[in-house]
Amino acid sequence: MSNWHKSSYSGGSNECVEAREHQAGADARDTRSKELGYLAFGPTE
């Protein structure tokens, strides 16, 4: 599983989304609220 990185969809604002890619798809989380967990997306999403 790859490390978390700032998503290219975050743009230049302070409200960032982090993403990580893996064989089963990708995960996304709010940079400011990491404690709330993440959303998981399968490879077809």
N, C-alpha and C. Protein backbone atom coordinates (compact mmCIF):
# COMPACT_ATOMS: atom_id res chain seq x y z
N MET A 1 0.85 -1.17 0.00
CA MET A 1 0.00 0.00 0.00
C MET A 1 0.90 1.23 0.00
N SER A 2 0.56 2.21 -0.80
CA SER A 2 1.37 3.42 -0.89
C SER A 2 1.12 4.34 0.30
N ASN A 3 1.98 5.32 0.45
CA ASN A 3 1.83 6.32 1.51
C ASN A 3 0.76 7.33 1.11
N TRP A 4 0.20 8.01 2.11
CA TRP A 4 -0.76 9.07 1.86
C TRP A 4 -0.05 10.24 1.19
N HIS A 5 -0.72 10.91 0.24
CA HIS A 5 -0.18 12.09 -0.41
C HIS A 5 -1.33 13.04 -0.71
N LYS A 6 -1.03 14.32 -0.89
CA LYS A 6 -2.05 15.32 -1.21
C LYS A 6 -2.61 15.02 -2.60
N SER A 7 -3.92 14.95 -2.68
CA SER A 7 -4.57 14.68 -3.96
C SER A 7 -4.41 15.85 -4.91
N SER A 8 -4.26 15.56 -6.19
CA SER A 8 -4.16 16.61 -7.19
C SER A 8 -5.47 17.38 -7.31
N TYR A 9 -6.57 16.85 -6.81
CA TYR A 9 -7.86 17.53 -6.84
C TYR A 9 -7.98 18.58 -5.74
N SER A 10 -7.03 18.64 -4.82
CA SER A 10 -7.10 19.59 -3.72
C SER A 10 -6.81 21.02 -4.16
N GLY A 11 -6.07 21.19 -5.22
CA GLY A 11 -5.73 22.53 -5.69
C GLY A 11 -4.82 23.24 -4.72
N GLY A 12 -4.92 24.56 -4.64
CA GLY A 12 -4.05 25.34 -3.78
C GLY A 12 -4.68 25.76 -2.47
N SER A 13 -5.87 25.29 -2.17
CA SER A 13 -6.55 25.70 -0.94
C SER A 13 -6.00 24.97 0.27
N ASN A 14 -6.38 25.44 1.45
CA ASN A 14 -5.97 24.79 2.70
C ASN A 14 -6.85 23.61 3.06
N GLU A 15 -7.91 23.40 2.31
CA GLU A 15 -8.81 22.28 2.56
C GLU A 15 -8.41 21.12 1.66
N CYS A 16 -7.48 20.32 2.14
CA CYS A 16 -6.87 19.28 1.32
C CYS A 16 -7.50 17.91 1.52
N VAL A 17 -7.40 17.12 0.50
CA VAL A 17 -7.77 15.72 0.54
C VAL A 17 -6.49 14.92 0.29
N GLU A 18 -6.29 13.89 1.10
CA GLU A 18 -5.15 13.00 0.91
C GLU A 18 -5.64 11.71 0.27
N ALA A 19 -4.79 11.09 -0.51
CA ALA A 19 -5.14 9.85 -1.19
C ALA A 19 -3.98 8.87 -1.09
N ARG A 20 -4.31 7.60 -1.23
CA ARG A 20 -3.29 6.55 -1.36
C ARG A 20 -3.86 5.48 -2.27
N GLU A 21 -3.01 4.94 -3.10
CA GLU A 21 -3.43 3.92 -4.05
C GLU A 21 -2.90 2.56 -3.62
N HIS A 22 -3.64 1.52 -3.97
CA HIS A 22 -3.23 0.15 -3.68
C HIS A 22 -3.90 -0.79 -4.67
N GLN A 23 -3.57 -2.07 -4.63
CA GLN A 23 -4.09 -3.03 -5.60
C GLN A 23 -5.61 -3.12 -5.61
N ALA A 24 -6.23 -2.93 -4.45
CA ALA A 24 -7.69 -3.06 -4.35
C ALA A 24 -8.41 -1.77 -4.68
N GLY A 25 -7.69 -0.69 -5.07
CA GLY A 25 -8.33 0.58 -5.40
C GLY A 25 -7.58 1.76 -4.82
N ALA A 26 -8.31 2.63 -4.13
CA ALA A 26 -7.70 3.82 -3.52
C ALA A 26 -8.51 4.25 -2.31
N ASP A 27 -7.86 4.99 -1.42
CA ASP A 27 -8.50 5.53 -0.23
C ASP A 27 -8.35 7.04 -0.23
N ALA A 28 -9.32 7.75 0.36
CA ALA A 28 -9.25 9.22 0.45
C ALA A 28 -9.66 9.63 1.85
N ARG A 29 -9.02 10.71 2.36
CA ARG A 29 -9.36 11.22 3.69
C ARG A 29 -9.15 12.74 3.71
N ASP A 30 -9.80 13.36 4.67
CA ASP A 30 -9.67 14.80 4.90
C ASP A 30 -8.40 15.03 5.71
N THR A 31 -7.53 15.88 5.22
CA THR A 31 -6.26 16.14 5.90
C THR A 31 -6.47 16.68 7.31
N ARG A 32 -7.48 17.50 7.50
CA ARG A 32 -7.73 18.12 8.81
C ARG A 32 -8.43 17.18 9.79
N SER A 33 -9.03 16.12 9.32
CA SER A 33 -9.82 15.23 10.19
C SER A 33 -9.40 13.78 10.00
N LYS A 34 -8.13 13.52 10.05
CA LYS A 34 -7.62 12.16 9.84
C LYS A 34 -8.21 11.15 10.81
N GLU A 35 -8.53 11.62 12.03
CA GLU A 35 -9.06 10.72 13.05
C GLU A 35 -10.44 10.17 12.69
N LEU A 36 -11.12 10.76 11.72
CA LEU A 36 -12.44 10.29 11.31
C LEU A 36 -12.37 9.13 10.33
N GLY A 37 -11.17 8.76 9.92
CA GLY A 37 -11.02 7.62 9.01
C GLY A 37 -10.93 8.05 7.56
N TYR A 38 -11.27 7.14 6.67
CA TYR A 38 -11.12 7.39 5.24
C TYR A 38 -12.22 6.68 4.46
N LEU A 39 -12.38 7.07 3.21
CA LEU A 39 -13.30 6.40 2.30
C LEU A 39 -12.49 5.49 1.39
N ALA A 40 -12.99 4.29 1.19
CA ALA A 40 -12.28 3.31 0.33
C ALA A 40 -13.04 3.20 -0.99
N PHE A 41 -12.29 3.18 -2.10
CA PHE A 41 -12.86 3.06 -3.42
C PHE A 41 -12.24 1.86 -4.12
N GLY A 42 -13.08 1.06 -4.74
CA GLY A 42 -12.60 -0.10 -5.48
C GLY A 42 -12.00 0.32 -6.82
N PRO A 43 -11.39 -0.60 -7.53
CA PRO A 43 -10.72 -0.27 -8.79
C PRO A 43 -11.66 0.19 -9.90
N THR A 44 -12.96 -0.09 -9.80
CA THR A 44 -13.89 0.33 -10.85
C THR A 44 -14.55 1.66 -10.56
N GLU A 45 -14.25 2.27 -9.42
CA GLU A 45 -14.86 3.56 -9.08
C GLU A 45 -13.98 4.71 -9.44
